PDB file of all heavy atoms in Angstrom:
ATOM      1  N   THR A   1      -9.846 -13.995 -18.632  1.00  0.00           N
ATOM      2  CA  THR A   1     -10.961 -13.497 -19.434  1.00  0.00           C
ATOM      3  C   THR A   1     -12.020 -12.926 -18.490  1.00  0.00           C
ATOM      4  O   THR A   1     -12.558 -13.591 -17.624  1.00  0.00           O
ATOM      5  CB  THR A   1     -11.558 -14.597 -20.290  1.00  0.00           C
ATOM      6  OG1 THR A   1     -10.603 -15.011 -21.252  1.00  0.00           O
ATOM      7  CG2 THR A   1     -12.832 -14.165 -21.024  1.00  0.00           C
ATOM      8  N   ALA A   2     -12.311 -11.702 -18.681  1.00  0.00           N
ATOM      9  CA  ALA A   2     -13.267 -10.997 -17.814  1.00  0.00           C
ATOM     10  C   ALA A   2     -13.331  -9.482 -18.327  1.00  0.00           C
ATOM     11  O   ALA A   2     -12.600  -9.062 -19.193  1.00  0.00           O
ATOM     12  CB  ALA A   2     -12.683 -10.895 -16.336  1.00  0.00           C
ATOM     13  N   ARG A   3     -14.337  -8.795 -17.752  1.00  0.00           N
ATOM     14  CA  ARG A   3     -14.476  -7.386 -17.957  1.00  0.00           C
ATOM     15  C   ARG A   3     -13.664  -6.702 -16.794  1.00  0.00           C
ATOM     16  O   ARG A   3     -13.904  -7.016 -15.698  1.00  0.00           O
ATOM     17  CB  ARG A   3     -15.862  -6.911 -18.001  1.00  0.00           C
ATOM     18  CG  ARG A   3     -16.113  -5.436 -18.454  1.00  0.00           C
ATOM     19  CD  ARG A   3     -17.425  -5.123 -18.864  1.00  0.00           C
ATOM     20  NE  ARG A   3     -17.526  -3.887 -19.387  1.00  0.00           N
ATOM     21  CZ  ARG A   3     -17.285  -3.666 -20.813  1.00  0.00           C
ATOM     22  NH1 ARG A   3     -17.003  -4.671 -21.579  1.00  0.00           N
ATOM     23  NH2 ARG A   3     -17.405  -2.391 -21.297  1.00  0.00           N
ATOM     24  N   TYR A   4     -12.733  -5.793 -17.131  1.00  0.00           N
ATOM     25  CA  TYR A   4     -11.916  -5.224 -16.246  1.00  0.00           C
ATOM     26  C   TYR A   4     -12.296  -3.760 -15.992  1.00  0.00           C
ATOM     27  O   TYR A   4     -12.569  -2.992 -16.938  1.00  0.00           O
ATOM     28  CB  TYR A   4     -10.479  -5.216 -16.794  1.00  0.00           C
ATOM     29  CG  TYR A   4      -9.738  -6.505 -16.700  1.00  0.00           C
ATOM     30  CD1 TYR A   4     -10.114  -7.534 -17.499  1.00  0.00           C
ATOM     31  CD2 TYR A   4      -8.775  -6.723 -15.804  1.00  0.00           C
ATOM     32  CE1 TYR A   4      -9.563  -8.834 -17.433  1.00  0.00           C
ATOM     33  CE2 TYR A   4      -8.148  -8.040 -15.682  1.00  0.00           C
ATOM     34  CZ  TYR A   4      -8.534  -9.011 -16.492  1.00  0.00           C
ATOM     35  OH  TYR A   4      -7.960 -10.306 -16.363  1.00  0.00           O
ATOM     36  N   TYR A   5     -12.486  -3.463 -14.700  1.00  0.00           N
ATOM     37  CA  TYR A   5     -12.967  -2.163 -14.214  1.00  0.00           C
ATOM     38  C   TYR A   5     -11.939  -1.413 -13.471  1.00  0.00           C
ATOM     39  O   TYR A   5     -11.161  -1.939 -12.640  1.00  0.00           O
ATOM     40  CB  TYR A   5     -14.187  -2.391 -13.360  1.00  0.00           C
ATOM     41  CG  TYR A   5     -15.370  -3.032 -14.060  1.00  0.00           C
ATOM     42  CD1 TYR A   5     -15.534  -4.345 -14.009  1.00  0.00           C
ATOM     43  CD2 TYR A   5     -16.300  -2.337 -14.632  1.00  0.00           C
ATOM     44  CE1 TYR A   5     -16.637  -5.046 -14.606  1.00  0.00           C
ATOM     45  CE2 TYR A   5     -17.493  -2.917 -15.368  1.00  0.00           C
ATOM     46  CZ  TYR A   5     -17.552  -4.284 -15.164  1.00  0.00           C
ATOM     47  OH  TYR A   5     -18.585  -4.854 -15.857  1.00  0.00           O
ATOM     48  N   CYS A   6     -11.894  -0.103 -13.747  1.00  0.00           N
ATOM     49  CA  CYS A   6     -11.057   0.771 -12.951  1.00  0.00           C
ATOM     50  C   CYS A   6     -11.836   1.469 -11.959  1.00  0.00           C
ATOM     51  O   CYS A   6     -13.068   1.810 -12.232  1.00  0.00           O
ATOM     52  CB  CYS A   6     -10.423   1.741 -13.951  1.00  0.00           C
ATOM     53  SG  CYS A   6      -9.440   3.085 -13.177  1.00  0.00           S
ATOM     54  N   ALA A   7     -11.305   1.789 -10.798  1.00  0.00           N
ATOM     55  CA  ALA A   7     -12.057   2.396  -9.713  1.00  0.00           C
ATOM     56  C   ALA A   7     -11.225   3.414  -9.006  1.00  0.00           C
ATOM     57  O   ALA A   7      -9.972   3.386  -9.045  1.00  0.00           O
ATOM     58  CB  ALA A   7     -12.579   1.466  -8.752  1.00  0.00           C
ATOM     59  N   ALA A   8     -11.856   4.523  -8.507  1.00  0.00           N
ATOM     60  CA  ALA A   8     -11.088   5.543  -7.832  1.00  0.00           C
ATOM     61  C   ALA A   8     -11.770   6.033  -6.578  1.00  0.00           C
ATOM     62  O   ALA A   8     -12.986   5.877  -6.448  1.00  0.00           O
ATOM     63  CB  ALA A   8     -11.016   6.749  -8.756  1.00  0.00           C
ATOM     64  N   ARG A   9     -10.982   6.502  -5.646  1.00  0.00           N
ATOM     65  CA  ARG A   9     -11.566   7.059  -4.472  1.00  0.00           C
ATOM     66  C   ARG A   9     -10.489   8.133  -3.816  1.00  0.00           C
ATOM     67  O   ARG A   9      -9.310   7.958  -4.098  1.00  0.00           O
ATOM     68  CB  ARG A   9     -11.805   6.109  -3.322  1.00  0.00           C
ATOM     69  CG  ARG A   9     -10.598   5.273  -2.884  1.00  0.00           C
ATOM     70  CD  ARG A   9     -10.833   4.650  -1.562  1.00  0.00           C
ATOM     71  NE  ARG A   9     -10.889   5.776  -0.513  1.00  0.00           N
ATOM     72  CZ  ARG A   9     -11.470   5.549   0.654  1.00  0.00           C
ATOM     73  NH1 ARG A   9     -12.015   4.403   1.034  1.00  0.00           N
ATOM     74  NH2 ARG A   9     -11.466   6.456   1.557  1.00  0.00           N
ATOM     75  N   LEU A  10     -11.007   9.105  -3.199  1.00  0.00           N
ATOM     76  CA  LEU A  10     -10.115  10.016  -2.552  1.00  0.00           C
ATOM     77  C   LEU A  10      -9.536   9.312  -1.322  1.00  0.00           C
ATOM     78  O   LEU A  10     -10.154   8.501  -0.663  1.00  0.00           O
ATOM     79  CB  LEU A  10     -10.889  11.266  -2.074  1.00  0.00           C
ATOM     80  CG  LEU A  10     -11.203  12.236  -3.240  1.00  0.00           C
ATOM     81  CD1 LEU A  10     -12.195  13.247  -2.684  1.00  0.00           C
ATOM     82  CD2 LEU A  10     -10.004  12.911  -3.811  1.00  0.00           C
ATOM     83  N   SER A  11      -8.287   9.649  -1.057  1.00  0.00           N
ATOM     84  CA  SER A  11      -7.574   9.051   0.112  1.00  0.00           C
ATOM     85  C   SER A  11      -6.854  10.158   0.863  1.00  0.00           C
ATOM     86  O   SER A  11      -5.619  10.283   0.870  1.00  0.00           O
ATOM     87  CB  SER A  11      -6.543   8.001  -0.420  1.00  0.00           C
ATOM     88  OG  SER A  11      -5.855   7.436   0.650  1.00  0.00           O
ATOM     89  N   PRO A  12      -7.658  10.955   1.507  1.00  0.00           N
ATOM     90  CA  PRO A  12      -7.098  12.135   2.171  1.00  0.00           C
ATOM     91  C   PRO A  12      -6.227  11.938   3.380  1.00  0.00           C
ATOM     92  O   PRO A  12      -5.342  12.762   3.681  1.00  0.00           O
ATOM     93  CB  PRO A  12      -8.328  12.988   2.578  1.00  0.00           C
ATOM     94  CG  PRO A  12      -9.398  11.927   2.757  1.00  0.00           C
ATOM     95  CD  PRO A  12      -9.186  10.832   1.729  1.00  0.00           C
ATOM     96  N   LEU A  13      -6.392  10.788   4.015  1.00  0.00           N
ATOM     97  CA  LEU A  13      -5.682  10.599   5.240  1.00  0.00           C
ATOM     98  C   LEU A  13      -4.364   9.859   5.089  1.00  0.00           C
ATOM     99  O   LEU A  13      -3.503   9.996   6.018  1.00  0.00           O
ATOM    100  CB  LEU A  13      -6.545   9.776   6.252  1.00  0.00           C
ATOM    101  CG  LEU A  13      -7.916  10.417   6.599  1.00  0.00           C
ATOM    102  CD1 LEU A  13      -8.684   9.469   7.512  1.00  0.00           C
ATOM    103  CD2 LEU A  13      -7.704  11.780   7.203  1.00  0.00           C
ATOM    104  N   SER A  14      -4.166   9.175   3.975  1.00  0.00           N
ATOM    105  CA  SER A  14      -2.991   8.418   3.823  1.00  0.00           C
ATOM    106  C   SER A  14      -2.584   8.377   2.401  1.00  0.00           C
ATOM    107  O   SER A  14      -3.354   8.062   1.557  1.00  0.00           O
ATOM    108  CB  SER A  14      -3.116   6.936   4.352  1.00  0.00           C
ATOM    109  OG  SER A  14      -1.968   6.233   4.066  1.00  0.00           O
ATOM    110  N   GLU A  15      -1.243   8.683   2.105  1.00  0.00           N
ATOM    111  CA  GLU A  15      -0.841   8.531   0.756  1.00  0.00           C
ATOM    112  C   GLU A  15      -0.373   7.141   0.415  1.00  0.00           C
ATOM    113  O   GLU A  15       0.001   6.824  -0.702  1.00  0.00           O
ATOM    114  CB  GLU A  15       0.272   9.594   0.481  1.00  0.00           C
ATOM    115  CG  GLU A  15       1.537   9.431   1.347  1.00  0.00           C
ATOM    116  CD  GLU A  15       2.624  10.406   0.985  1.00  0.00           C
ATOM    117  OE1 GLU A  15       2.298  11.290   0.109  1.00  0.00           O
ATOM    118  OE2 GLU A  15       3.640  10.391   1.589  1.00  0.00           O
ATOM    119  N   ARG A  16      -0.212   6.257   1.482  1.00  0.00           N
ATOM    120  CA  ARG A  16       0.331   4.943   1.262  1.00  0.00           C
ATOM    121  C   ARG A  16      -0.797   3.909   1.235  1.00  0.00           C
ATOM    122  O   ARG A  16      -0.444   2.748   0.837  1.00  0.00           O
ATOM    123  CB  ARG A  16       1.271   4.698   2.430  1.00  0.00           C
ATOM    124  CG  ARG A  16       2.450   5.524   2.559  1.00  0.00           C
ATOM    125  CD  ARG A  16       3.151   5.301   3.895  1.00  0.00           C
ATOM    126  NE  ARG A  16       3.541   3.827   4.026  1.00  0.00           N
ATOM    127  CZ  ARG A  16       4.595   3.276   3.506  1.00  0.00           C
ATOM    128  NH1 ARG A  16       5.385   4.038   2.821  1.00  0.00           N
ATOM    129  NH2 ARG A  16       4.875   2.006   3.696  1.00  0.00           N
ATOM    130  N   GLN A  17      -1.847   4.196   1.499  1.00  0.00           N
ATOM    131  CA  GLN A  17      -3.011   3.206   1.671  1.00  0.00           C
ATOM    132  C   GLN A  17      -3.540   2.773   0.347  1.00  0.00           C
ATOM    133  O   GLN A  17      -3.822   3.555  -0.631  1.00  0.00           O
ATOM    134  CB  GLN A  17      -4.078   3.773   2.544  1.00  0.00           C
ATOM    135  CG  GLN A  17      -5.107   2.644   2.946  1.00  0.00           C
ATOM    136  CD  GLN A  17      -6.167   3.216   3.898  1.00  0.00           C
ATOM    137  OE1 GLN A  17      -6.126   4.294   4.281  1.00  0.00           O
ATOM    138  NE2 GLN A  17      -7.014   2.271   4.399  1.00  0.00           N
ATOM    139  N   THR A  18      -3.673   1.403   0.200  1.00  0.00           N
ATOM    140  CA  THR A  18      -4.377   0.812  -0.895  1.00  0.00           C
ATOM    141  C   THR A  18      -5.648   0.233  -0.456  1.00  0.00           C
ATOM    142  O   THR A  18      -5.834  -0.041   0.719  1.00  0.00           O
ATOM    143  CB  THR A  18      -3.538  -0.290  -1.643  1.00  0.00           C
ATOM    144  OG1 THR A  18      -3.165  -1.228  -0.590  1.00  0.00           O
ATOM    145  CG2 THR A  18      -2.339   0.223  -2.279  1.00  0.00           C
ATOM    146  N   PHE A  19      -6.607   0.084  -1.329  1.00  0.00           N
ATOM    147  CA  PHE A  19      -8.012  -0.318  -0.983  1.00  0.00           C
ATOM    148  C   PHE A  19      -8.322  -1.559  -1.819  1.00  0.00           C
ATOM    149  O   PHE A  19      -8.132  -1.462  -3.064  1.00  0.00           O
ATOM    150  CB  PHE A  19      -8.983   0.865  -1.272  1.00  0.00           C
ATOM    151  CG  PHE A  19      -8.594   2.024  -0.369  1.00  0.00           C
ATOM    152  CD1 PHE A  19      -7.797   2.976  -0.831  1.00  0.00           C
ATOM    153  CD2 PHE A  19      -9.211   2.286   0.839  1.00  0.00           C
ATOM    154  CE1 PHE A  19      -7.496   4.209  -0.158  1.00  0.00           C
ATOM    155  CE2 PHE A  19      -8.877   3.330   1.588  1.00  0.00           C
ATOM    156  CZ  PHE A  19      -8.016   4.315   1.149  1.00  0.00           C
ATOM    157  N   LEU A  20      -8.796  -2.554  -1.158  1.00  0.00           N
ATOM    158  CA  LEU A  20      -8.951  -3.811  -1.906  1.00  0.00           C
ATOM    159  C   LEU A  20     -10.441  -4.294  -2.151  1.00  0.00           C
ATOM    160  O   LEU A  20     -10.674  -5.235  -2.797  1.00  0.00           O
ATOM    161  CB  LEU A  20      -8.284  -4.966  -0.981  1.00  0.00           C
ATOM    162  CG  LEU A  20      -6.835  -4.648  -0.473  1.00  0.00           C
ATOM    163  CD1 LEU A  20      -6.279  -5.902   0.166  1.00  0.00           C
ATOM    164  CD2 LEU A  20      -5.968  -4.138  -1.679  1.00  0.00           C
ATOM    165  N   GLN A  21     -11.312  -3.524  -1.539  1.00  0.00           N
ATOM    166  CA  GLN A  21     -12.722  -4.019  -1.620  1.00  0.00           C
ATOM    167  C   GLN A  21     -13.505  -3.085  -2.448  1.00  0.00           C
ATOM    168  O   GLN A  21     -13.345  -1.854  -2.483  1.00  0.00           O
ATOM    169  CB  GLN A  21     -13.394  -3.936  -0.180  1.00  0.00           C
ATOM    170  CG  GLN A  21     -12.719  -4.902   0.784  1.00  0.00           C
ATOM    171  CD  GLN A  21     -12.762  -6.294   0.328  1.00  0.00           C
ATOM    172  OE1 GLN A  21     -13.713  -6.800  -0.252  1.00  0.00           O
ATOM    173  NE2 GLN A  21     -11.740  -7.127   0.753  1.00  0.00           N
ATOM    174  N   PRO A  22     -14.397  -3.608  -3.346  1.00  0.00           N
ATOM    175  CA  PRO A  22     -15.258  -2.724  -4.195  1.00  0.00           C
ATOM    176  C   PRO A  22     -15.964  -1.642  -3.406  1.00  0.00           C
ATOM    177  O   PRO A  22     -16.059  -0.504  -3.992  1.00  0.00           O
ATOM    178  CB  PRO A  22     -16.185  -3.688  -4.840  1.00  0.00           C
ATOM    179  CG  PRO A  22     -15.502  -5.016  -4.747  1.00  0.00           C
ATOM    180  CD  PRO A  22     -14.702  -5.015  -3.524  1.00  0.00           C
ATOM    181  N   TYR A  23     -16.492  -1.883  -2.272  1.00  0.00           N
ATOM    182  CA  TYR A  23     -17.269  -0.833  -1.599  1.00  0.00           C
ATOM    183  C   TYR A  23     -16.471   0.308  -1.153  1.00  0.00           C
ATOM    184  O   TYR A  23     -17.063   1.341  -0.721  1.00  0.00           O
ATOM    185  CB  TYR A  23     -17.991  -1.515  -0.419  1.00  0.00           C
ATOM    186  CG  TYR A  23     -17.181  -1.927   0.733  1.00  0.00           C
ATOM    187  CD1 TYR A  23     -16.763  -1.098   1.675  1.00  0.00           C
ATOM    188  CD2 TYR A  23     -16.804  -3.259   0.921  1.00  0.00           C
ATOM    189  CE1 TYR A  23     -15.870  -1.471   2.779  1.00  0.00           C
ATOM    190  CE2 TYR A  23     -16.044  -3.733   1.987  1.00  0.00           C
ATOM    191  CZ  TYR A  23     -15.506  -2.829   2.927  1.00  0.00           C
ATOM    192  OH  TYR A  23     -14.778  -3.264   3.874  1.00  0.00           O
ATOM    193  N   GLU A  24     -15.173   0.186  -1.095  1.00  0.00           N
ATOM    194  CA  GLU A  24     -14.217   1.218  -0.693  1.00  0.00           C
ATOM    195  C   GLU A  24     -14.054   2.320  -1.798  1.00  0.00           C
ATOM    196  O   GLU A  24     -13.446   3.393  -1.569  1.00  0.00           O
ATOM    197  CB  GLU A  24     -12.911   0.719  -0.267  1.00  0.00           C
ATOM    198  CG  GLU A  24     -12.987  -0.207   0.916  1.00  0.00           C
ATOM    199  CD  GLU A  24     -11.639  -0.711   1.386  1.00  0.00           C
ATOM    200  OE1 GLU A  24     -11.018  -1.508   0.698  1.00  0.00           O
ATOM    201  OE2 GLU A  24     -11.202  -0.266   2.453  1.00  0.00           O
ATOM    202  N   TYR A  25     -14.530   2.038  -2.975  1.00  0.00           N
ATOM    203  CA  TYR A  25     -14.378   2.996  -4.068  1.00  0.00           C
ATOM    204  C   TYR A  25     -15.669   3.673  -4.413  1.00  0.00           C
ATOM    205  O   TYR A  25     -16.775   3.206  -4.365  1.00  0.00           O
ATOM    206  CB  TYR A  25     -13.936   2.218  -5.321  1.00  0.00           C
ATOM    207  CG  TYR A  25     -12.403   1.728  -5.196  1.00  0.00           C
ATOM    208  CD1 TYR A  25     -12.221   0.518  -4.631  1.00  0.00           C
ATOM    209  CD2 TYR A  25     -11.382   2.555  -5.633  1.00  0.00           C
ATOM    210  CE1 TYR A  25     -10.869   0.099  -4.468  1.00  0.00           C
ATOM    211  CE2 TYR A  25     -10.088   2.112  -5.381  1.00  0.00           C
ATOM    212  CZ  TYR A  25      -9.832   0.927  -4.930  1.00  0.00           C
ATOM    213  OH  TYR A  25      -8.556   0.418  -4.663  1.00  0.00           O
TER     214      TYR A  25
END
């Protein structure tokens, strides 16, 4: 139970990288 948020960011340097921290979006 929570409010679920979607986030996005450009990832120009790597197509494989995932981002785990809120500040990265």
